[in-house]
Amino acid sequence: MAFGVGKVQMKFLHLLSTEASHSITVHCLTDPPHGAGGGSSGSSGSSGSSGPGGPAGRSHLRFLGWNGQIFEKDTLLEPQVLQDSCKSRFSFHTQYSRQLPITDVQELAAAASATAAAASPPPRRQQHIEVGPVCFF
């Protein structure tokens, strides 16, 4: 993702801030994002049937932070996920401002063996990613 700010400016924002927040919304066009089947969740620890624990063949998202840290489900850097039938909003808040903004979003296939994935690749999903503002406090 490209940002309209230089590395020097971002370094100053990081140095002068103690916290940061960022939100990213993934709109599905062909399949629910984050491997979900619906419902809404407001807690960071539960996101329905989403992620690697969801149905076989589904996928989950990984987010790469400014400093190279990876945010994903079931880790210490798990984003808060608010979800409905065809949209997931990922909210990131950290007291280590150098972790934000999110610079890349990666989709990972869920628990499928390498041979099965090579034999029959999953169908391509179409999604629209809406990147929200980054706030430094």
N, C-alpha and C. Protein backbone atom coordinates (compact mmCIF):
# COMPACT_ATOMS: atom_id res chain seq x y z
N MET A 1 0.84 -1.17 0.00
CA MET A 1 0.00 0.00 0.00
C MET A 1 0.89 1.24 0.00
N ALA A 2 0.50 2.19 -0.75
CA ALA A 2 1.27 3.43 -0.82
C ALA A 2 0.63 4.49 0.08
N PHE A 3 1.49 5.26 0.73
CA PHE A 3 1.03 6.34 1.59
C PHE A 3 1.63 7.64 1.06
N GLY A 4 0.91 8.73 1.21
CA GLY A 4 1.38 10.03 0.75
C GLY A 4 2.27 10.72 1.76
N VAL A 5 3.16 9.96 2.39
CA VAL A 5 4.06 10.52 3.39
C VAL A 5 5.42 9.86 3.22
N GLY A 6 6.48 10.64 3.38
CA GLY A 6 7.83 10.12 3.25
C GLY A 6 8.29 9.39 4.49
N LYS A 7 9.37 8.64 4.35
CA LYS A 7 9.92 7.88 5.48
C LYS A 7 10.37 8.79 6.62
N VAL A 8 10.92 9.96 6.29
CA VAL A 8 11.38 10.89 7.33
C VAL A 8 10.18 11.41 8.13
N GLN A 9 9.11 11.77 7.43
CA GLN A 9 7.91 12.24 8.12
C GLN A 9 7.32 11.14 9.01
N MET A 10 7.29 9.92 8.49
CA MET A 10 6.75 8.80 9.26
C MET A 10 7.61 8.55 10.49
N LYS A 11 8.91 8.68 10.36
CA LYS A 11 9.80 8.47 11.50
C LYS A 11 9.50 9.49 12.60
N PHE A 12 9.27 10.76 12.21
CA PHE A 12 8.93 11.77 13.20
C PHE A 12 7.58 11.47 13.87
N LEU A 13 6.60 11.02 13.09
CA LEU A 13 5.31 10.64 13.68
C LEU A 13 5.50 9.53 14.71
N HIS A 14 6.32 8.56 14.36
CA HIS A 14 6.59 7.46 15.28
C HIS A 14 7.31 7.94 16.54
N LEU A 15 8.28 8.82 16.38
CA LEU A 15 9.05 9.31 17.53
C LEU A 15 8.21 10.16 18.48
N LEU A 16 7.27 10.91 17.92
CA LEU A 16 6.47 11.83 18.73
C LEU A 16 5.17 11.21 19.24
N SER A 17 4.94 9.94 18.96
CA SER A 17 3.68 9.30 19.34
C SER A 17 3.93 8.14 20.30
N THR A 18 2.97 7.93 21.19
CA THR A 18 3.05 6.79 22.11
C THR A 18 2.05 5.70 21.75
N GLU A 19 1.06 6.02 20.92
CA GLU A 19 0.06 5.06 20.49
C GLU A 19 -0.32 5.33 19.05
N ALA A 20 -0.89 4.31 18.42
CA ALA A 20 -1.38 4.48 17.05
C ALA A 20 -2.56 3.55 16.81
N SER A 21 -3.44 3.96 15.91
CA SER A 21 -4.56 3.10 15.53
C SER A 21 -4.77 3.21 14.02
N HIS A 22 -5.32 2.13 13.47
CA HIS A 22 -5.53 2.05 12.03
C HIS A 22 -6.68 1.08 11.80
N SER A 23 -7.48 1.31 10.79
CA SER A 23 -8.55 0.36 10.47
C SER A 23 -8.53 0.06 8.97
N ILE A 24 -8.85 -1.19 8.67
CA ILE A 24 -8.92 -1.66 7.29
C ILE A 24 -10.22 -2.44 7.15
N THR A 25 -10.99 -2.14 6.12
CA THR A 25 -12.24 -2.84 5.87
C THR A 25 -12.10 -3.65 4.59
N VAL A 26 -12.48 -4.92 4.67
CA VAL A 26 -12.43 -5.81 3.51
C VAL A 26 -13.87 -6.11 3.12
N HIS A 27 -14.26 -5.69 1.90
CA HIS A 27 -15.59 -5.94 1.38
C HIS A 27 -15.49 -7.14 0.43
N CYS A 28 -16.34 -8.13 0.63
CA CYS A 28 -16.30 -9.28 -0.27
C CYS A 28 -17.16 -8.98 -1.50
N LEU A 29 -16.71 -9.51 -2.62
CA LEU A 29 -17.50 -9.40 -3.84
C LEU A 29 -18.01 -10.77 -4.25
N THR A 30 -17.30 -11.86 -3.83
CA THR A 30 -17.71 -13.21 -4.19
C THR A 30 -17.82 -14.15 -3.00
N ASP A 31 -17.18 -13.83 -1.86
CA ASP A 31 -17.16 -14.72 -0.70
C ASP A 31 -16.87 -13.88 0.53
N PRO A 32 -17.42 -14.21 1.69
CA PRO A 32 -17.14 -13.41 2.88
C PRO A 32 -15.65 -13.34 3.20
N PRO A 33 -15.15 -12.19 3.61
CA PRO A 33 -13.74 -12.05 3.94
C PRO A 33 -13.37 -12.76 5.22
N HIS A 34 -12.11 -13.00 5.43
CA HIS A 34 -11.57 -13.58 6.65
C HIS A 34 -12.14 -14.96 6.91
N GLY A 35 -12.66 -15.64 5.85
CA GLY A 35 -13.16 -16.99 5.98
C GLY A 35 -14.41 -17.10 6.82
N ALA A 36 -15.20 -16.03 6.92
CA ALA A 36 -16.34 -16.02 7.83
C ALA A 36 -17.62 -16.41 7.13
N GLY A 37 -18.57 -16.83 7.93
CA GLY A 37 -19.85 -17.18 7.38
C GLY A 37 -20.95 -16.24 7.82
N GLY A 38 -20.64 -15.22 8.59
CA GLY A 38 -21.66 -14.28 9.02
C GLY A 38 -21.57 -13.98 10.49
N GLY A 39 -22.52 -13.24 10.98
CA GLY A 39 -22.52 -12.86 12.39
C GLY A 39 -21.67 -11.64 12.60
N SER A 40 -21.68 -11.16 13.83
CA SER A 40 -20.92 -9.97 14.15
C SER A 40 -20.19 -10.20 15.45
N SER A 41 -18.95 -9.73 15.52
CA SER A 41 -18.16 -9.93 16.73
C SER A 41 -17.47 -8.65 17.08
N GLY A 42 -17.49 -8.30 18.36
CA GLY A 42 -16.84 -7.08 18.79
C GLY A 42 -15.60 -7.34 19.61
N SER A 43 -15.32 -8.59 19.96
CA SER A 43 -14.14 -8.87 20.77
C SER A 43 -13.02 -9.37 19.90
N SER A 44 -11.79 -9.06 20.29
CA SER A 44 -10.65 -9.43 19.47
C SER A 44 -10.39 -10.92 19.49
N GLY A 45 -10.89 -11.64 20.46
CA GLY A 45 -10.60 -13.05 20.55
C GLY A 45 -11.56 -13.93 19.79
N SER A 46 -12.71 -13.41 19.38
CA SER A 46 -13.66 -14.26 18.68
C SER A 46 -14.12 -13.58 17.41
N SER A 47 -14.04 -14.33 16.34
CA SER A 47 -14.52 -13.80 15.06
C SER A 47 -15.31 -14.87 14.34
N GLY A 48 -16.22 -15.51 15.05
CA GLY A 48 -17.10 -16.49 14.45
C GLY A 48 -16.33 -17.69 13.95
N SER A 49 -16.64 -18.13 12.71
CA SER A 49 -15.97 -19.27 12.12
C SER A 49 -14.83 -18.84 11.24
N SER A 50 -14.33 -17.63 11.44
CA SER A 50 -13.30 -17.10 10.57
C SER A 50 -11.93 -17.63 10.91
N GLY A 51 -11.01 -17.38 10.00
CA GLY A 51 -9.62 -17.70 10.23
C GLY A 51 -9.31 -19.15 10.03
N PRO A 52 -8.13 -19.58 10.49
CA PRO A 52 -7.68 -20.91 10.23
C PRO A 52 -8.53 -21.98 10.88
N GLY A 53 -9.32 -21.63 11.88
CA GLY A 53 -10.17 -22.61 12.51
C GLY A 53 -11.49 -22.78 11.79
N GLY A 54 -11.74 -22.04 10.75
CA GLY A 54 -12.99 -22.08 10.02
C GLY A 54 -13.09 -23.29 9.12
N PRO A 55 -14.10 -23.33 8.24
CA PRO A 55 -14.31 -24.46 7.36
C PRO A 55 -13.13 -24.68 6.44
N ALA A 56 -12.94 -25.94 6.05
CA ALA A 56 -11.83 -26.29 5.17
C ALA A 56 -11.95 -25.54 3.86
N GLY A 57 -10.84 -25.15 3.30
CA GLY A 57 -10.83 -24.44 2.03
C GLY A 57 -10.96 -22.94 2.19
N ARG A 58 -11.27 -22.47 3.39
CA ARG A 58 -11.38 -21.04 3.63
C ARG A 58 -9.99 -20.46 3.84
N SER A 59 -9.92 -19.17 3.98
CA SER A 59 -8.63 -18.54 4.18
C SER A 59 -8.74 -17.51 5.29
N HIS A 60 -7.59 -16.99 5.71
CA HIS A 60 -7.58 -15.91 6.68
C HIS A 60 -6.55 -14.88 6.23
N LEU A 61 -6.63 -13.71 6.83
CA LEU A 61 -5.79 -12.61 6.41
C LEU A 61 -4.65 -12.37 7.39
N ARG A 62 -3.53 -11.95 6.84
CA ARG A 62 -2.38 -11.49 7.63
C ARG A 62 -2.11 -10.06 7.22
N PHE A 63 -1.70 -9.24 8.17
CA PHE A 63 -1.43 -7.83 7.91
C PHE A 63 0.01 -7.54 8.29
N LEU A 64 0.73 -6.89 7.40
CA LEU A 64 2.13 -6.55 7.65
C LEU A 64 2.19 -5.09 8.10
N GLY A 65 2.78 -4.88 9.29
CA GLY A 65 2.91 -3.54 9.84
C GLY A 65 4.13 -2.81 9.28
N TRP A 66 4.23 -1.53 9.58
CA TRP A 66 5.30 -0.66 9.09
C TRP A 66 6.68 -1.21 9.42
N ASN A 67 6.83 -1.78 10.63
CA ASN A 67 8.13 -2.26 11.07
C ASN A 67 8.35 -3.75 10.75
N GLY A 68 7.48 -4.35 9.96
CA GLY A 68 7.63 -5.75 9.56
C GLY A 68 6.88 -6.74 10.44
N GLN A 69 6.29 -6.27 11.55
CA GLN A 69 5.51 -7.15 12.41
C GLN A 69 4.27 -7.65 11.66
N ILE A 70 3.88 -8.88 11.95
CA ILE A 70 2.71 -9.45 11.30
C ILE A 70 1.56 -9.53 12.31
N PHE A 71 0.42 -8.99 11.91
CA PHE A 71 -0.81 -9.04 12.70
C PHE A 71 -1.67 -10.14 12.08
N GLU A 72 -2.10 -11.12 12.89
CA GLU A 72 -3.01 -12.14 12.40
C GLU A 72 -3.76 -12.79 13.55
N LYS A 73 -4.76 -13.58 13.19
CA LYS A 73 -5.61 -14.25 14.18
C LYS A 73 -4.78 -15.19 15.04
N ASP A 74 -5.16 -15.28 16.31
CA ASP A 74 -4.54 -16.19 17.28
C ASP A 74 -3.08 -15.87 17.57
N THR A 75 -2.70 -14.60 17.52
CA THR A 75 -1.36 -14.17 17.91
C THR A 75 -1.50 -13.01 18.90
N LEU A 76 -0.38 -12.59 19.47
CA LEU A 76 -0.42 -11.44 20.38
C LEU A 76 -0.83 -10.16 19.65
N LEU A 77 -0.59 -10.12 18.34
CA LEU A 77 -0.92 -8.93 17.55
C LEU A 77 -2.19 -9.15 16.74
N GLU A 78 -3.19 -9.77 17.36
CA GLU A 78 -4.45 -10.05 16.67
C GLU A 78 -5.28 -8.77 16.56
N PRO A 79 -5.76 -8.43 15.35
CA PRO A 79 -6.62 -7.25 15.23
C PRO A 79 -8.01 -7.55 15.78
N GLN A 80 -8.70 -6.50 16.19
CA GLN A 80 -10.10 -6.64 16.59
C GLN A 80 -10.90 -6.73 15.29
N VAL A 81 -11.82 -7.69 15.21
CA VAL A 81 -12.57 -7.91 13.97
C VAL A 81 -14.05 -7.67 14.23
N LEU A 82 -14.61 -6.75 13.47
CA LEU A 82 -16.06 -6.51 13.48
C LEU A 82 -16.55 -7.00 12.13
N GLN A 83 -17.57 -7.87 12.13
CA GLN A 83 -17.92 -8.57 10.90
C GLN A 83 -19.41 -8.62 10.68
N ASP A 84 -19.81 -8.55 9.40
CA ASP A 84 -21.18 -8.84 9.04
C ASP A 84 -21.14 -9.81 7.86
N SER A 85 -22.23 -10.00 7.18
CA SER A 85 -22.31 -11.06 6.17
C SER A 85 -21.33 -10.88 5.01
N CYS A 86 -20.95 -9.68 4.68
CA CYS A 86 -20.08 -9.51 3.52
C CYS A 86 -19.03 -8.41 3.72
N LYS A 87 -18.70 -8.12 4.96
CA LYS A 87 -17.73 -7.07 5.23
C LYS A 87 -17.06 -7.35 6.56
N SER A 88 -15.74 -7.19 6.60
CA SER A 88 -15.00 -7.32 7.85
C SER A 88 -14.20 -6.06 8.07
N ARG A 89 -14.30 -5.50 9.27
CA ARG A 89 -13.52 -4.32 9.63
C ARG A 89 -12.47 -4.75 10.64
N PHE A 90 -11.21 -4.58 10.28
CA PHE A 90 -10.10 -4.94 11.13
C PHE A 90 -9.57 -3.67 11.78
N SER A 91 -9.56 -3.65 13.09
CA SER A 91 -9.13 -2.48 13.84
C SER A 91 -7.84 -2.81 14.57
N PHE A 92 -6.85 -1.96 14.39
CA PHE A 92 -5.53 -2.14 15.00
C PHE A 92 -5.28 -0.98 15.95
N HIS A 93 -4.87 -1.29 17.16
CA HIS A 93 -4.49 -0.25 18.12
C HIS A 93 -3.28 -0.76 18.88
N THR A 94 -2.24 0.04 18.96
CA THR A 94 -1.02 -0.40 19.60
C THR A 94 -0.37 0.74 20.37
N GLN A 95 0.35 0.38 21.43
CA GLN A 95 1.12 1.37 22.17
C GLN A 95 2.55 1.42 21.66
N TYR A 96 2.82 0.69 20.61
CA TYR A 96 4.13 0.73 19.94
C TYR A 96 3.87 1.29 18.54
N SER A 97 3.89 2.61 18.41
CA SER A 97 3.43 3.28 17.19
C SER A 97 4.18 2.88 15.93
N ARG A 98 5.37 2.32 16.07
CA ARG A 98 6.16 1.93 14.89
C ARG A 98 5.56 0.72 14.16
N GLN A 99 4.59 0.06 14.77
CA GLN A 99 3.95 -1.09 14.12
C GLN A 99 2.96 -0.65 13.04
N LEU A 100 2.50 0.57 13.11
CA LEU A 100 1.50 1.05 12.15
C LEU A 100 2.06 2.17 11.31
N PRO A 101 1.57 2.36 10.13
CA PRO A 101 0.38 1.81 9.49
C PRO A 101 0.62 0.40 8.93
N ILE A 102 -0.48 -0.26 8.59
CA ILE A 102 -0.42 -1.55 7.91
C ILE A 102 0.05 -1.27 6.48
N THR A 103 1.02 -2.02 6.01
CA THR A 103 1.59 -1.77 4.68
C THR A 103 1.22 -2.83 3.66
N ASP A 104 0.73 -4.01 4.12
CA ASP A 104 0.39 -5.07 3.17
C ASP A 104 -0.65 -5.99 3.79
N VAL A 105 -1.52 -6.53 2.96
CA VAL A 105 -2.53 -7.50 3.38
C VAL A 105 -2.29 -8.76 2.56
N GLN A 106 -2.16 -9.89 3.26
CA GLN A 106 -1.92 -11.17 2.59
C GLN A 106 -3.03 -12.13 2.96
N GLU A 107 -3.44 -12.94 1.99
CA GLU A 107 -4.47 -13.94 2.23
C GLU A 107 -3.81 -15.31 2.23
N LEU A 108 -4.06 -16.08 3.28
CA LEU A 108 -3.45 -17.40 3.41
C LEU A 108 -4.53 -18.47 3.37
N ALA A 109 -4.26 -19.56 2.64
CA ALA A 109 -5.19 -20.68 2.60
C ALA A 109 -5.18 -21.37 3.95
N ALA A 110 -6.32 -21.84 4.36
CA ALA A 110 -6.44 -22.52 5.65
C ALA A 110 -6.10 -23.99 5.52
N ALA A 111 -5.37 -24.48 6.46
CA ALA A 111 -5.03 -25.88 6.71
C ALA A 111 -5.29 -26.87 5.58
N ALA A 112 -4.85 -26.56 4.40
CA ALA A 112 -4.94 -27.52 3.29
C ALA A 112 -3.54 -28.05 3.03
N SER A 113 -3.44 -29.31 2.72
CA SER A 113 -2.12 -29.87 2.47
C SER A 113 -1.56 -29.30 1.18
N ALA A 114 -0.24 -29.26 1.08
CA ALA A 114 0.42 -28.68 -0.09
C ALA A 114 0.08 -29.47 -1.35
N THR A 115 -0.04 -30.78 -1.24
CA THR A 115 -0.35 -31.58 -2.42
C THR A 115 -1.78 -31.35 -2.88
N ALA A 116 -2.70 -31.23 -1.93
CA ALA A 116 -4.09 -30.97 -2.30
C ALA A 116 -4.23 -29.59 -2.91
N ALA A 117 -3.51 -28.63 -2.38
CA ALA A 117 -3.57 -27.26 -2.91
C ALA A 117 -2.98 -27.21 -4.31
N ALA A 118 -1.92 -27.98 -4.54
CA ALA A 118 -1.30 -27.98 -5.87
C ALA A 118 -2.19 -28.68 -6.88
N ALA A 119 -2.93 -29.72 -6.45
CA ALA A 119 -3.77 -30.48 -7.37
C ALA A 119 -5.02 -29.69 -7.77
N SER A 120 -5.62 -28.99 -6.83
CA SER A 120 -6.82 -28.22 -7.14
C SER A 120 -6.78 -26.88 -6.40
N PRO A 121 -6.26 -25.85 -7.05
CA PRO A 121 -6.18 -24.55 -6.38
C PRO A 121 -7.57 -24.01 -6.07
N PRO A 122 -7.70 -23.31 -4.94
CA PRO A 122 -9.00 -22.76 -4.58
C PRO A 122 -9.44 -21.71 -5.59
N PRO A 123 -10.75 -21.53 -5.76
CA PRO A 123 -11.22 -20.51 -6.69
C PRO A 123 -10.81 -19.12 -6.23
N ARG A 124 -10.55 -18.24 -7.18
CA ARG A 124 -10.14 -16.86 -6.86
C ARG A 124 -11.33 -16.12 -6.26
N ARG A 125 -11.04 -15.39 -5.18
CA ARG A 125 -12.07 -14.58 -4.54
C ARG A 125 -11.82 -13.13 -4.88
N GLN A 126 -12.88 -12.40 -5.07
CA GLN A 126 -12.76 -10.98 -5.35
C GLN A 126 -13.14 -10.21 -4.10
N GLN A 127 -12.23 -9.29 -3.69
CA GLN A 127 -12.46 -8.49 -2.51
C GLN A 127 -12.02 -7.05 -2.78
N HIS A 128 -12.64 -6.14 -2.08
CA HIS A 128 -12.28 -4.72 -2.16
C HIS A 128 -11.74 -4.33 -0.78
N ILE A 129 -10.55 -3.74 -0.74
CA ILE A 129 -9.96 -3.33 0.52
C ILE A 129 -10.05 -1.82 0.66
N GLU A 130 -10.62 -1.38 1.76
CA GLU A 130 -10.76 0.05 2.07
C GLU A 130 -9.84 0.36 3.24
N VAL A 131 -8.83 1.18 2.98
CA VAL A 131 -7.84 1.52 4.00
C VAL A 131 -8.25 2.82 4.68
N GLY A 132 -8.47 2.75 5.99
CA GLY A 132 -8.86 3.92 6.76
C GLY A 132 -7.65 4.75 7.17
N PRO A 133 -7.90 5.86 7.82
CA PRO A 133 -6.80 6.73 8.25
C PRO A 133 -6.01 6.10 9.40
N VAL A 134 -4.76 6.50 9.51
CA VAL A 134 -3.91 6.09 10.62
C VAL A 134 -3.86 7.26 11.59
N CYS A 135 -4.11 6.98 12.85
CA CYS A 135 -4.09 8.03 13.86
C CYS A 135 -2.95 7.78 14.82
N PHE A 136 -2.13 8.82 15.06
CA PHE A 136 -1.03 8.73 16.00
C PHE A 136 -1.38 9.61 17.19
N PHE A 137 -1.21 9.07 18.40
CA PHE A 137 -1.54 9.80 19.63
C PHE A 137 -0.28 10.08 20.41
